[in-house]
């Protein structure tokens, strides 16, 4: 079926779709809607990425089957985040605009009493997050006695966030004769478990991978070290200004806050969004971003779930996500509604394999891109100064007395002196921060031999002791000399901080060194060592032992509806940065 009118839908739904200008269904809608409408009771699994129209794929059949006269929850939609709950409610309300269907959102951070009142008034469809839904079910303020359909949207994300127990509890409250419609981007073990334990004779459809991402999004990667990423980011933002309006994605909430803080200090209009923020703070930040009170939102994956912001021009992966589906979710935020978008990923040399895997799996083209050079940035600033001079020159001369006196003052100086003054003022306005970047250059990513990079990229050996343990650089060098075959140049790159010692080497060589020194004696201690898998954290600086690692994502939330935090690994020591061998 190529158009919505080809489906046997209620006239009120067809009218609402016409009002919205929706005529042709997406692939997941073409495949799912006929199946969900054709049978009285069906367990269904739809596999499709974000942005492929999943909400209407289940929303239209739900609305079509609602009995208006039964003022009780007949459909329950479970989603991983508050923002996604709100988004689903908005979409389904549009489809049900002419039907008088009551749709109630339920999520943590909002008034429990207001939600209880809304449920008492009667709701045909309830949309909620797992934790808060279970709160209502336990309090008996939400009854599922009349439930016909349970929808699990973004089910794989819910499981990744640690909501398995909460989802299982909801399934226990649901009546036995309910049908389950499950939607996910992937089929991970947890998804298979739900289908095996709770669903029967499941009908499955899969959206083709060609729909992943947007054809209007140009995707790039650039090889840049973690220490230089803030400078690289500022150059990309400046090069795109004043039109830059985008997301900067980081692996952890600590890195997110750090990057946002540094951008603000540098004069950019930026803010952070992560799981340590209250719902009031999150709502305020999202509204300000949508209103363009700031144009750069630094966010973690989970915190940004369900946020629908139109006209995003750029997505920058400051650090790569751990799983490939998250990459797709990130870049899907730009290049919408026929507009061009740009996605840029910062990678280390030995992460080229990740890019190649993405290209192969999702049939993408991710091209190498150079960080704008200092000379290019200087030319852009000078061009802006030239436009400013043109604008000022076109203005009429001021008539008020003080300005006329100032003009007389300037006219008393020579052309050379006035030129010097103008250059000084323009430099302060347009080149203020350029002095810091003078001489800072980035290697050409476009000119690199990517196959060789993949083979020879640098890794970092970490030894878990340092100056606080009485270990000095000479001690580490002596250990390496005794048990490895490194040369003098390698020894010169050893660095020792308070609780760690480091040495950068090619990956294969790093593995050999770790194997050779593990268990050996260093200053009377048994050596523990590992190869760094620094996927998005700051390297330790200047003798301090603080490192920000890329944990396993953004942890689970409590069954009481509140967040338990976004990165369990962040509460632990630096050890999570390293893969134990």
Protein backbone atom coordinates (compact mmCIF):
# COMPACT_ATOMS: atom_id res chain seq x y z
CA UNK A 1 0.00 0.00 0.00
CA UNK A 2 1.54 3.26 -1.14
CA UNK A 3 -0.80 5.80 0.48
CA UNK A 4 -2.60 6.11 3.82
CA UNK A 5 -5.94 6.24 2.04
CA UNK A 6 -5.32 2.65 0.87
CA UNK A 7 -5.62 1.47 4.50
CA UNK A 8 -9.10 0.75 5.85
CA UNK A 9 -8.91 3.46 8.51
CA UNK A 10 -11.60 5.36 10.34
CA UNK A 11 -12.64 8.47 8.47
CA UNK A 12 -11.60 10.63 11.46
CA UNK A 13 -8.03 9.27 11.21
CA UNK A 14 -7.85 9.79 7.44
CA UNK A 15 -9.08 13.35 7.95
CA UNK A 16 -6.42 14.00 10.63
CA UNK A 17 -3.68 12.62 8.37
CA UNK A 18 -4.89 14.87 5.56
CA UNK A 19 -4.80 17.85 7.94
CA UNK A 20 -1.18 16.95 8.78
CA UNK A 21 -0.27 16.58 5.11
CA UNK A 22 0.64 12.90 5.54
CA UNK A 23 -0.13 10.95 2.37
CA UNK A 24 2.55 8.28 1.90
CA UNK A 25 3.49 5.89 4.72
CA UNK A 26 7.12 5.06 5.48
CA UNK A 27 8.43 1.54 5.07
CA UNK A 28 7.79 0.49 8.67
CA UNK A 29 4.28 1.98 8.46
CA UNK A 30 3.52 0.15 5.20
CA UNK A 31 4.61 -3.14 6.75
CA UNK A 32 3.21 -2.77 10.27
CA UNK A 33 -0.16 -1.04 9.94
CA UNK A 34 -1.92 -3.72 7.79
CA UNK A 35 -0.75 -6.48 10.17
CA UNK A 36 -1.84 -4.61 13.29
CA UNK A 37 -5.24 -3.81 11.78
CA UNK A 38 -5.94 -7.21 10.24
CA UNK A 39 -6.10 -9.38 13.34
CA UNK A 40 -8.09 -9.24 16.57
CA UNK A 41 -5.06 -10.11 18.68
CA UNK A 42 -1.46 -10.21 17.46
CA UNK A 43 1.97 -10.11 19.10
CA UNK A 44 4.22 -8.04 16.88
CA UNK A 45 7.88 -7.02 16.63
CA UNK A 46 8.94 -4.14 14.40
CA UNK A 47 12.65 -3.55 13.89
CA UNK A 48 13.43 -0.05 12.64
CA UNK A 49 15.74 2.83 13.45
CA UNK A 50 14.72 6.13 15.02
CA UNK A 51 13.32 8.54 12.46
CA UNK A 52 11.62 5.88 10.32
CA UNK A 53 8.07 6.65 11.53
CA UNK A 54 7.63 4.03 14.26
CA UNK A 55 5.31 6.19 16.37
CA UNK A 56 2.60 6.35 13.71
CA UNK A 57 3.27 2.70 12.79
CA UNK A 58 1.74 1.70 16.14
CA UNK A 59 -0.14 4.95 16.89
CA UNK A 60 -2.54 4.73 13.94
CA UNK A 61 -3.67 1.12 14.65
CA UNK A 62 -4.02 1.96 18.37
CA UNK A 63 -6.28 4.94 17.71
CA UNK A 64 -8.26 2.94 15.13
CA UNK A 65 -9.13 0.22 17.68
CA UNK A 66 -9.98 2.40 20.72
CA UNK A 67 -13.51 2.13 22.09
CA UNK A 68 -14.44 5.72 22.95
CA UNK A 69 -17.23 4.60 25.27
CA UNK A 70 -14.85 2.64 27.53
CA UNK A 71 -13.17 5.32 29.64
CA UNK A 72 -10.31 3.12 30.87
CA UNK A 73 -6.76 2.44 29.63
CA UNK A 74 -7.10 0.18 26.58
CA UNK A 75 -3.53 0.82 25.39
CA UNK A 76 -0.33 1.34 27.38
CA UNK A 77 2.79 2.65 25.64
CA UNK A 78 6.07 2.29 27.54
CA UNK A 79 9.02 4.48 26.46
CA UNK A 80 12.51 4.95 27.97
CA UNK A 81 12.57 8.73 28.53
CA UNK A 82 10.30 11.57 29.54
CA UNK A 83 11.03 13.45 26.35
CA UNK A 84 10.04 10.48 24.20
CA UNK A 85 6.81 10.07 26.21
CA UNK A 86 5.87 13.69 25.47
CA UNK A 87 6.79 13.28 21.80
CA UNK A 88 4.63 10.12 21.45
CA UNK A 89 1.67 11.84 23.13
CA UNK A 90 1.93 14.79 20.75
CA UNK A 91 2.05 12.54 17.67
CA UNK A 92 -0.89 10.35 18.70
CA UNK A 93 -3.01 13.35 19.73
CA UNK A 94 -2.59 14.73 16.23
CA UNK A 95 -3.82 11.49 14.68
CA UNK A 96 -6.73 11.30 17.16
CA UNK A 97 -7.62 14.99 16.86
CA UNK A 98 -11.19 14.33 15.63
CA UNK A 99 -12.02 11.36 17.87
CA UNK A 100 -12.19 12.60 21.47
CA UNK A 101 -9.60 10.12 22.70
CA UNK A 102 -7.98 10.89 26.05
CA UNK A 103 -4.20 10.37 26.16
CA UNK A 104 -2.38 10.76 29.50
CA UNK A 105 1.43 11.04 29.87
CA UNK A 106 3.00 9.47 32.99
CA UNK A 107 6.65 10.14 33.87
CA UNK A 108 8.92 10.96 36.78
CA UNK A 109 9.68 14.55 37.72
CA UNK A 110 6.03 15.61 37.21
CA UNK A 111 3.31 15.92 39.87
CA UNK A 112 2.06 12.53 41.01
CA UNK A 113 -1.24 14.05 42.20
CA UNK A 114 -1.92 15.68 38.83
CA UNK A 115 -1.28 12.35 37.12
CA UNK A 116 -3.63 10.55 39.55
CA UNK A 117 -6.34 13.14 38.82
CA UNK A 118 -5.91 12.72 35.06
CA UNK A 119 -6.17 8.93 35.38
CA UNK A 120 -9.31 9.25 37.54
CA UNK A 121 -10.97 11.40 34.89
CA UNK A 122 -10.45 8.52 32.47
CA UNK A 123 -7.76 7.77 29.90
CA UNK A 124 -8.09 5.68 26.76
CA UNK A 125 -4.31 5.59 26.14
CA UNK A 126 -1.54 5.93 28.74
CA UNK A 127 2.05 6.72 27.72
CA UNK A 128 4.76 6.51 30.36
CA UNK A 129 8.26 5.70 31.55
CA UNK A 130 8.80 2.35 33.34
CA UNK A 131 9.62 3.67 36.80
CA UNK A 132 6.67 6.03 37.20
CA UNK A 133 4.23 3.54 35.60
CA UNK A 134 5.18 0.97 38.23
CA UNK A 135 4.66 3.57 40.95
CA UNK A 136 1.05 4.01 39.80
CA UNK A 137 0.50 0.28 39.36
CA UNK A 138 1.68 -0.44 42.92
CA UNK A 139 -0.47 2.36 44.32
CA UNK A 140 -3.41 1.02 42.29
CA UNK A 141 -3.92 4.47 40.77
CA UNK A 142 -3.48 2.86 37.35
CA UNK A 143 -5.53 -0.21 36.44
CA UNK A 144 -4.80 -2.40 33.42
CA UNK A 145 -7.98 -4.50 33.68
CA UNK A 146 -9.27 -3.23 30.32
CA UNK A 147 -5.87 -3.25 28.61
CA UNK A 148 -5.84 -4.72 25.10
CA UNK A 149 -2.49 -3.55 23.76
CA UNK A 150 0.89 -3.06 25.43
CA UNK A 151 3.45 -1.20 23.29
CA UNK A 152 7.15 -1.31 24.19
CA UNK A 153 8.78 1.48 22.19
CA UNK A 154 12.59 1.72 21.90
CA UNK A 155 12.66 -1.55 23.87
CA UNK A 156 16.37 -2.12 23.29
CA UNK A 157 17.15 1.32 24.71
CA UNK A 158 15.04 0.59 27.79
CA UNK A 159 17.00 -2.59 28.40
CA UNK A 160 20.31 -0.77 27.86
CA UNK A 161 19.24 1.80 30.47
CA UNK A 162 18.64 -0.96 33.00
CA UNK A 163 14.84 -1.06 32.90
CA UNK A 164 14.50 -4.84 32.52
CA UNK A 165 13.06 -5.37 36.02
CA UNK A 166 10.58 -2.52 35.59
CA UNK A 167 9.43 -3.82 32.19
CA UNK A 168 9.00 -7.33 33.62
CA UNK A 169 6.91 -5.89 36.46
CA UNK A 170 4.63 -4.03 34.03
CA UNK A 171 4.15 -7.25 32.06
CA UNK A 172 3.07 -9.01 35.27
CA UNK A 173 0.37 -6.39 35.88
CA UNK A 174 -0.96 -6.68 32.30
CA UNK A 175 -3.84 -9.17 31.69
CA UNK A 176 -3.02 -12.46 30.00
CA UNK A 177 -5.09 -11.79 26.90
CA UNK A 178 -3.26 -8.56 26.04
CA UNK A 179 -1.27 -8.23 22.83
CA UNK A 180 2.30 -6.91 22.81
CA UNK A 181 3.66 -4.64 20.09
CA UNK A 182 7.42 -4.37 20.52
CA UNK A 183 9.56 -1.90 18.58
CA UNK A 184 13.37 -1.79 18.63
CA UNK A 185 16.30 -0.79 16.45
CA UNK A 186 18.18 -4.01 17.24
CA UNK A 187 17.45 -7.56 18.35
CA UNK A 188 19.71 -7.92 21.37
CA UNK A 189 19.46 -10.89 23.77
CA UNK A 190 17.11 -8.96 26.06
CA UNK A 191 14.67 -8.39 23.20
CA UNK A 192 14.75 -12.07 22.32
CA UNK A 193 14.03 -12.91 25.98
CA UNK A 194 10.90 -10.73 26.02
CA UNK A 195 9.66 -12.31 22.80
CA UNK A 196 10.30 -15.82 24.08
CA UNK A 197 8.78 -15.36 27.56
CA UNK A 198 5.88 -13.01 26.93
CA UNK A 199 4.89 -13.17 23.24
CA UNK A 200 3.28 -15.95 21.15
CA UNK A 201 3.46 -16.57 17.42
CA UNK A 202 5.12 -13.20 16.98
CA UNK A 203 4.82 -11.49 13.60
CA UNK A 204 8.05 -9.65 12.79
CA UNK A 205 8.89 -7.02 10.20
CA UNK A 206 12.20 -5.32 9.57
CA UNK A 207 12.90 -1.94 8.04
CA UNK A 208 15.69 -2.00 5.44
CA UNK A 209 19.05 -0.57 6.49
CA UNK A 210 18.99 1.80 3.54
CA UNK A 211 16.62 3.97 5.58
CA UNK A 212 19.22 4.46 8.31
CA UNK A 213 20.25 8.07 8.63
CA UNK A 214 19.38 10.83 6.17
CA UNK A 215 20.49 11.15 2.58
CA UNK A 216 20.82 14.87 3.31
CA UNK A 217 23.41 14.34 6.04
CA UNK A 218 27.05 14.50 4.98
CA UNK A 219 29.17 12.41 7.33
CA UNK A 220 32.83 12.97 8.14
CA UNK A 221 35.52 11.84 10.55
CA UNK A 222 38.72 13.53 11.60
CA UNK A 223 41.69 12.10 13.50
CA UNK A 224 42.40 14.33 16.50
CA UNK A 225 43.75 13.58 19.97
CA UNK A 226 41.59 14.11 23.05
CA UNK A 227 43.70 17.02 24.30
CA UNK A 228 43.17 18.95 21.07
CA UNK A 229 39.48 18.23 20.56
CA UNK A 230 38.23 21.42 22.19
CA UNK A 231 40.40 23.50 19.83
CA UNK A 232 39.26 21.40 16.87
CA UNK A 233 35.62 21.78 17.88
CA UNK A 234 35.91 25.54 18.19
CA UNK A 235 37.38 25.73 14.69
CA UNK A 236 34.54 23.73 13.17
CA UNK A 237 31.97 25.87 15.00
CA UNK A 238 33.68 29.09 13.92
CA UNK A 239 33.96 27.90 10.32
CA UNK A 240 30.19 27.24 10.24
CA UNK A 241 29.15 30.38 12.12
CA UNK A 242 26.78 32.05 12.35
CA UNK A 243 24.64 29.15 11.13
CA UNK A 244 25.95 26.45 13.53
CA UNK A 245 23.05 24.97 15.51
CA UNK A 246 23.82 21.53 16.81
CA UNK A 247 24.48 18.73 19.27
CA UNK A 248 27.92 17.83 20.66
CA UNK A 249 27.76 14.22 21.92
CA UNK A 250 30.04 12.95 24.69
CA UNK A 251 30.31 9.53 26.32
CA UNK A 252 29.91 10.58 29.94
CA UNK A 253 28.13 13.23 31.96
CA UNK A 254 31.44 14.45 33.43
CA UNK A 255 32.93 15.01 29.98
CA UNK A 256 29.67 16.66 28.88
CA UNK A 257 29.79 19.20 31.71
CA UNK A 258 33.50 19.83 31.14
CA UNK A 259 33.15 20.51 27.40
CA UNK A 260 30.12 22.78 27.89
CA UNK A 261 31.94 24.73 30.59
CA UNK A 262 35.01 25.24 28.40
CA UNK A 263 32.88 26.36 25.43
CA UNK A 264 31.06 28.90 27.58
CA UNK A 265 34.38 30.22 28.94
CA UNK A 266 35.55 30.64 25.34
CA UNK A 267 32.51 32.81 24.58
CA UNK A 268 30.22 30.33 22.81
CA UNK A 269 26.49 30.13 23.54
CA UNK A 270 26.40 26.58 24.88
CA UNK A 271 24.83 24.44 27.58
CA UNK A 272 24.96 20.86 28.88
CA UNK A 273 22.31 18.15 29.17
CA UNK A 274 22.99 15.04 31.25
CA UNK A 275 21.45 12.71 33.80
CA UNK A 276 22.53 14.59 36.94
CA UNK A 277 20.11 17.40 36.10
CA UNK A 278 16.63 17.65 37.63
CA UNK A 279 13.59 17.49 35.38
CA UNK A 280 13.03 21.23 35.85
CA UNK A 281 16.61 21.94 34.73
CA UNK A 282 16.28 19.58 31.76
CA UNK A 283 13.02 21.16 30.63
CA UNK A 284 14.50 24.64 30.88
CA UNK A 285 17.64 23.69 28.91
CA UNK A 286 15.62 21.96 26.16
CA UNK A 287 13.24 24.92 25.84
CA UNK A 288 16.12 27.41 25.68
CA UNK A 289 17.82 25.31 23.00
CA UNK A 290 14.63 25.09 20.93
CA UNK A 291 14.20 28.86 21.32
CA UNK A 292 17.84 29.31 20.21
CA UNK A 293 18.85 31.12 23.38
CA UNK A 294 22.01 29.08 22.88
CA UNK A 295 23.07 27.17 19.77
CA UNK A 296 25.35 24.41 21.07
CA UNK A 297 23.95 21.62 23.25
CA UNK A 298 26.55 19.26 24.72
CA UNK A 299 24.75 16.04 25.68
CA UNK A 300 25.03 12.39 26.54
CA UNK A 301 23.13 9.82 24.45
CA UNK A 302 20.49 8.95 27.02
CA UNK A 303 19.86 12.55 28.11
CA UNK A 304 19.19 13.52 24.49
CA UNK A 305 16.80 10.63 23.76
CA UNK A 306 13.40 11.72 22.51
CA UNK A 307 14.31 15.39 22.05
CA UNK A 308 12.95 16.53 18.71
CA UNK A 309 14.62 19.78 17.64
CA UNK A 310 14.05 20.93 14.05
CA UNK A 311 16.68 22.60 11.85
CA UNK A 312 19.75 21.05 13.51
CA UNK A 313 22.69 21.83 11.20
CA UNK A 314 25.48 19.85 12.87
CA UNK A 315 26.08 16.80 15.02
CA UNK A 316 29.60 16.39 16.41
CA UNK A 317 30.69 13.15 18.05
CA UNK A 318 33.23 14.56 20.51
CA UNK A 319 33.74 10.95 21.56
CA UNK A 320 32.46 7.88 19.77
CA UNK A 321 29.51 5.94 21.18
CA UNK A 322 30.16 2.40 22.38
CA UNK A 323 27.55 0.80 20.13
CA UNK A 324 26.93 1.47 16.46
CA UNK A 325 23.17 1.99 16.81
CA UNK A 326 23.86 5.00 19.03
CA UNK A 327 25.89 6.51 16.19
CA UNK A 328 22.83 6.24 13.97
CA UNK A 329 20.61 7.81 16.63
CA UNK A 330 23.04 10.72 16.97
CA UNK A 331 23.43 11.61 13.31
CA UNK A 332 19.70 11.16 12.69
CA UNK A 333 19.11 14.48 14.45
CA UNK A 334 20.33 16.50 11.49
CA UNK A 335 19.55 16.51 7.76
CA UNK A 336 15.78 16.46 8.32
CA UNK A 337 12.86 17.90 6.33
CA UNK A 338 14.93 18.12 3.16
CA UNK A 339 17.61 20.31 4.74
CA UNK A 340 21.30 19.52 4.60
CA UNK A 341 23.05 18.39 7.77
CA UNK A 342 26.65 17.67 8.71
CA UNK A 343 27.90 14.98 11.11
CA UNK A 344 31.55 15.00 12.24
CA UNK A 345 33.18 12.33 14.40
CA UNK A 346 36.43 12.91 16.29
CA UNK A 347 38.44 9.69 16.41
CA UNK A 348 41.84 8.40 17.44
CA UNK A 349 44.06 6.83 14.80
CA UNK A 350 43.31 3.30 15.97
CA UNK A 351 39.52 3.87 15.77
CA UNK A 352 39.47 3.90 11.98
CA UNK A 353 38.17 0.32 12.13
CA UNK A 354 35.04 1.62 13.91
CA UNK A 355 34.35 4.00 11.00
CA UNK A 356 34.88 1.25 8.43
CA UNK A 357 32.48 -1.04 10.28
CA UNK A 358 29.81 1.67 10.33
CA UNK A 359 30.18 2.21 6.61
CA UNK A 360 29.85 -1.47 5.84
CA UNK A 361 27.00 -2.26 8.26
CA UNK A 362 24.76 0.70 7.45
CA UNK A 363 25.91 1.35 3.87
CA UNK A 364 27.15 4.83 4.76
CA UNK A 365 29.79 7.07 3.27
CA UNK A 366 31.89 8.65 6.05
CA UNK A 367 34.65 10.76 4.50
CA UNK A 368 37.91 12.00 6.05
CA UNK A 369 37.91 15.70 6.90
CA UNK A 370 40.66 18.07 7.97
CA UNK A 371 40.30 20.38 10.95
CA UNK A 372 40.25 23.95 9.55
CA UNK A 373 43.79 25.34 9.61
CA UNK A 374 44.89 28.42 11.50
CA UNK A 375 45.30 30.27 8.21
CA UNK A 376 41.76 29.38 7.12
CA UNK A 377 40.34 30.54 10.44
CA UNK A 378 42.29 33.79 10.28
CA UNK A 379 40.94 34.48 6.78
CA UNK A 380 37.37 33.89 7.99
CA UNK A 381 37.85 36.32 10.87
CA UNK A 382 39.41 38.92 8.59
CA UNK A 383 36.50 38.54 6.17
CA UNK A 384 34.12 39.19 9.08
CA UNK A 385 36.14 42.27 10.02
CA UNK A 386 35.90 43.52 6.42
CA UNK A 387 32.09 43.16 6.51
CA UNK A 388 32.01 45.02 9.81
CA UNK A 389 34.09 47.90 8.37
CA UNK A 390 31.72 48.07 5.40
CA UNK A 391 28.69 48.23 7.70
CA UNK A 392 30.18 50.94 9.93
CA UNK A 393 31.29 52.97 6.92
CA UNK A 394 27.74 52.98 5.55
CA UNK A 395 26.31 54.45 8.74
CA UNK A 396 25.57 58.19 8.94
CA UNK A 397 27.90 60.27 11.07
CA UNK A 398 26.68 60.77 14.65
CA UNK A 399 25.24 64.20 15.48
CA UNK A 400 25.29 64.20 19.28
CA UNK A 401 27.95 66.43 20.86
CA UNK A 402 30.10 63.76 22.56
CA UNK A 403 30.48 61.78 19.33
CA UNK A 404 31.43 64.89 17.39
CA UNK A 405 34.13 65.66 19.96
CA UNK A 406 35.42 62.10 19.59
CA UNK A 407 35.55 62.54 15.82
CA UNK A 408 37.53 65.74 16.25
CA UNK A 409 39.92 63.88 18.52
CA UNK A 410 40.52 61.13 15.96
CA UNK A 411 40.98 63.62 13.12
CA UNK A 412 43.89 65.09 15.06
CA UNK A 413 45.95 61.95 14.55
CA UNK A 414 47.96 60.89 11.51
CA UNK A 415 46.77 58.20 9.09
CA UNK A 416 49.41 55.84 10.48
CA UNK A 417 48.24 56.37 14.04
CA UNK A 418 44.56 55.94 13.14
CA UNK A 419 45.40 52.77 11.20
CA UNK A 420 47.23 51.37 14.21
CA UNK A 421 44.24 52.20 16.42
CA UNK A 422 41.77 50.56 13.99
CA UNK A 423 43.87 47.38 13.75
CA UNK A 424 44.07 47.19 17.55
CA UNK A 425 40.30 47.58 17.98
CA UNK A 426 39.45 45.15 15.17
CA UNK A 427 41.93 42.61 16.54
CA UNK A 428 40.27 42.83 19.95
CA UNK A 429 36.86 42.28 18.37
CA UNK A 430 37.63 39.60 15.77
CA UNK A 431 40.99 38.01 16.61
CA UNK A 432 40.95 38.01 20.40
CA UNK A 433 41.43 34.25 20.80
CA UNK A 434 43.45 33.65 17.66
CA UNK A 435 46.74 34.31 19.44
CA UNK A 436 46.18 31.19 21.58
CA UNK A 437 45.79 29.04 18.47
CA UNK A 438 48.71 30.55 16.57
CA UNK A 439 51.01 27.67 15.78
CA UNK A 440 48.44 25.02 16.76
CA UNK A 441 48.15 22.74 13.75
CA UNK A 442 46.36 19.48 13.07
CA UNK A 443 47.58 16.62 10.91
CA UNK A 444 45.75 16.15 7.63
CA UNK A 445 43.17 13.40 7.99
CA UNK A 446 42.37 13.49 4.27
CA UNK A 447 45.96 12.79 3.34
CA UNK A 448 46.50 9.92 5.77
CA UNK A 449 46.88 6.32 4.68
CA UNK A 450 43.84 4.99 6.51
CA UNK A 451 44.79 1.33 6.15
CA UNK A 452 48.15 2.04 7.72
CA UNK A 453 46.51 4.13 10.45
CA UNK A 454 44.23 1.26 11.32
CA UNK A 455 47.26 -0.97 11.62
CA UNK A 456 49.66 1.40 13.35
CA UNK A 457 47.49 3.70 15.51
CA UNK A 458 48.88 4.44 18.98
CA UNK A 459 47.61 2.78 22.15
CA UNK A 460 48.65 3.59 25.70
CA UNK A 461 50.09 1.17 28.23
CA UNK A 462 48.95 2.03 31.75
CA UNK A 463 50.74 0.78 34.86
CA UNK A 464 48.58 1.18 37.96
CA UNK A 465 51.08 2.89 40.27
CA UNK A 466 52.82 6.26 40.30
CA UNK A 467 54.57 8.90 42.38
CA UNK A 468 52.18 8.45 45.33
CA UNK A 469 53.44 4.86 45.49
CA UNK A 470 57.09 5.95 45.44
CA UNK A 471 57.53 5.18 41.73
CA UNK A 472 59.62 7.51 39.54
CA UNK A 473 60.20 7.56 35.78
CA UNK A 474 63.62 5.91 36.14
CA UNK A 475 61.99 2.98 37.98
CA UNK A 476 59.54 2.40 35.14
CA UNK A 477 62.28 2.66 32.53
CA UNK A 478 64.37 0.10 34.42
CA UNK A 479 61.36 -2.26 34.55
CA UNK A 480 60.91 -1.95 30.78
CA UNK A 481 64.60 -2.46 30.09
CA UNK A 482 64.63 -5.67 32.13
CA UNK A 483 61.56 -7.29 30.60
CA UNK A 484 61.01 -5.79 27.12
CA UNK A 485 62.97 -5.02 23.98
CA UNK A 486 61.96 -1.37 23.60
CA UNK A 487 64.50 1.17 22.35
CA UNK A 488 65.73 4.38 23.98
CA UNK A 489 63.19 6.51 22.05
CA UNK A 490 60.31 4.58 23.64
CA UNK A 491 61.74 5.08 27.13
CA UNK A 492 61.73 8.85 26.61
CA UNK A 493 57.93 8.78 26.24
CA UNK A 494 57.29 7.32 29.70
CA UNK A 495 55.29 9.66 31.94
CA UNK A 496 54.46 9.13 35.62
CA UNK A 497 51.68 10.83 37.58
CA UNK A 498 50.32 10.32 41.09
CA UNK A 499 48.71 6.91 40.73
CA UNK A 500 49.49 5.88 37.14
CA UNK A 501 52.38 5.53 34.72
CA UNK A 502 51.91 5.66 30.93
CA UNK A 503 53.68 4.80 27.68
CA UNK A 504 52.28 5.19 24.15
CA UNK A 505 53.04 2.43 21.64
CA UNK A 506 51.49 0.82 18.53
CA UNK A 507 48.60 -1.51 19.60
CA UNK A 508 50.36 -4.83 18.95
CA UNK A 509 53.51 -3.69 20.74
CA UNK A 510 51.47 -2.32 23.65
CA UNK A 511 49.84 -5.74 24.13
CA UNK A 512 53.28 -7.41 24.16
CA UNK A 513 54.62 -4.97 26.76
CA UNK A 514 51.63 -5.50 29.06
CA UNK A 515 52.06 -9.27 28.83
CA UNK A 516 55.80 -8.96 29.57
CA UNK A 517 55.58 -6.76 32.68
CA UNK A 518 52.38 -7.98 34.36
CA UNK A 519 53.13 -9.64 37.69
CA UNK A 520 56.73 -8.41 37.73
CA UNK A 521 58.10 -6.36 40.65
CA UNK A 522 58.22 -2.53 40.59
CA UNK A 523 59.49 -0.80 43.75
CA UNK A 524 58.43 -3.83 45.76
CA UNK A 525 54.92 -3.95 44.25
CA UNK A 526 53.39 -6.48 41.88
CA UNK A 527 52.79 -4.80 38.52
CA UNK A 528 49.22 -4.39 37.27
CA UNK A 529 49.04 -3.09 33.71
CA UNK A 530 46.53 -2.67 30.88
CA UNK A 531 46.10 -1.18 27.42
CA UNK A 532 44.10 2.05 27.37
CA UNK A 533 40.78 2.03 25.56
CA UNK A 534 40.28 5.77 26.06
CA UNK A 535 36.96 6.18 24.23
CA UNK A 536 36.09 9.71 25.06
CA UNK A 537 37.79 10.70 28.33
CA UNK A 538 40.34 13.36 29.09
CA UNK A 539 43.88 12.14 29.42
CA UNK A 540 45.45 12.82 32.81
CA UNK A 541 47.17 16.16 32.87
CA UNK A 542 50.05 17.85 34.58
CA UNK A 543 50.75 15.34 37.31
CA UNK A 544 47.16 14.99 38.51
CA UNK A 545 45.61 11.58 38.63
CA UNK A 546 42.14 12.57 37.42
CA UNK A 547 40.95 10.83 34.28
CA UNK A 548 37.52 10.86 32.79
CA UNK A 549 36.65 7.53 31.28
CA UNK A 550 33.95 6.33 28.94
CA UNK A 551 31.84 4.09 31.16
CA UNK A 552 29.16 1.73 30.00
CA UNK A 553 26.67 4.44 29.15
CA UNK A 554 24.13 5.97 31.44
CA UNK A 555 23.15 3.44 34.01
CA UNK A 556 19.72 2.37 35.11
CA UNK A 557 17.02 4.33 36.79
CA UNK A 558 15.20 3.43 39.96
CA UNK A 559 11.77 1.90 39.95
CA UNK A 560 10.62 5.01 41.79
CA UNK A 561 11.00 7.02 38.60
CA UNK A 562 14.20 8.85 39.47
CA UNK A 563 17.51 8.44 37.74
CA UNK A 564 20.22 6.38 39.37
CA UNK A 565 22.84 8.19 37.36
CA UNK A 566 24.27 8.00 33.93
CA UNK A 567 27.55 6.24 34.16
CA UNK A 568 28.21 3.80 36.91
CA UNK A 569 31.77 3.67 35.71
CA UNK A 570 32.16 7.36 36.46
CA UNK A 571 31.70 6.75 40.17
CA UNK A 572 34.50 4.25 40.12
CA UNK A 573 38.19 4.88 39.73
CA UNK A 574 40.06 5.34 36.51
CA UNK A 575 40.28 1.60 36.07
CA UNK A 576 37.21 1.57 33.79
CA UNK A 577 39.28 3.37 31.16
CA UNK A 578 41.31 0.26 30.59
CA UNK A 579 40.58 -3.17 29.24
CA UNK A 580 42.03 -5.66 31.69
CA UNK A 581 44.20 -8.20 30.01
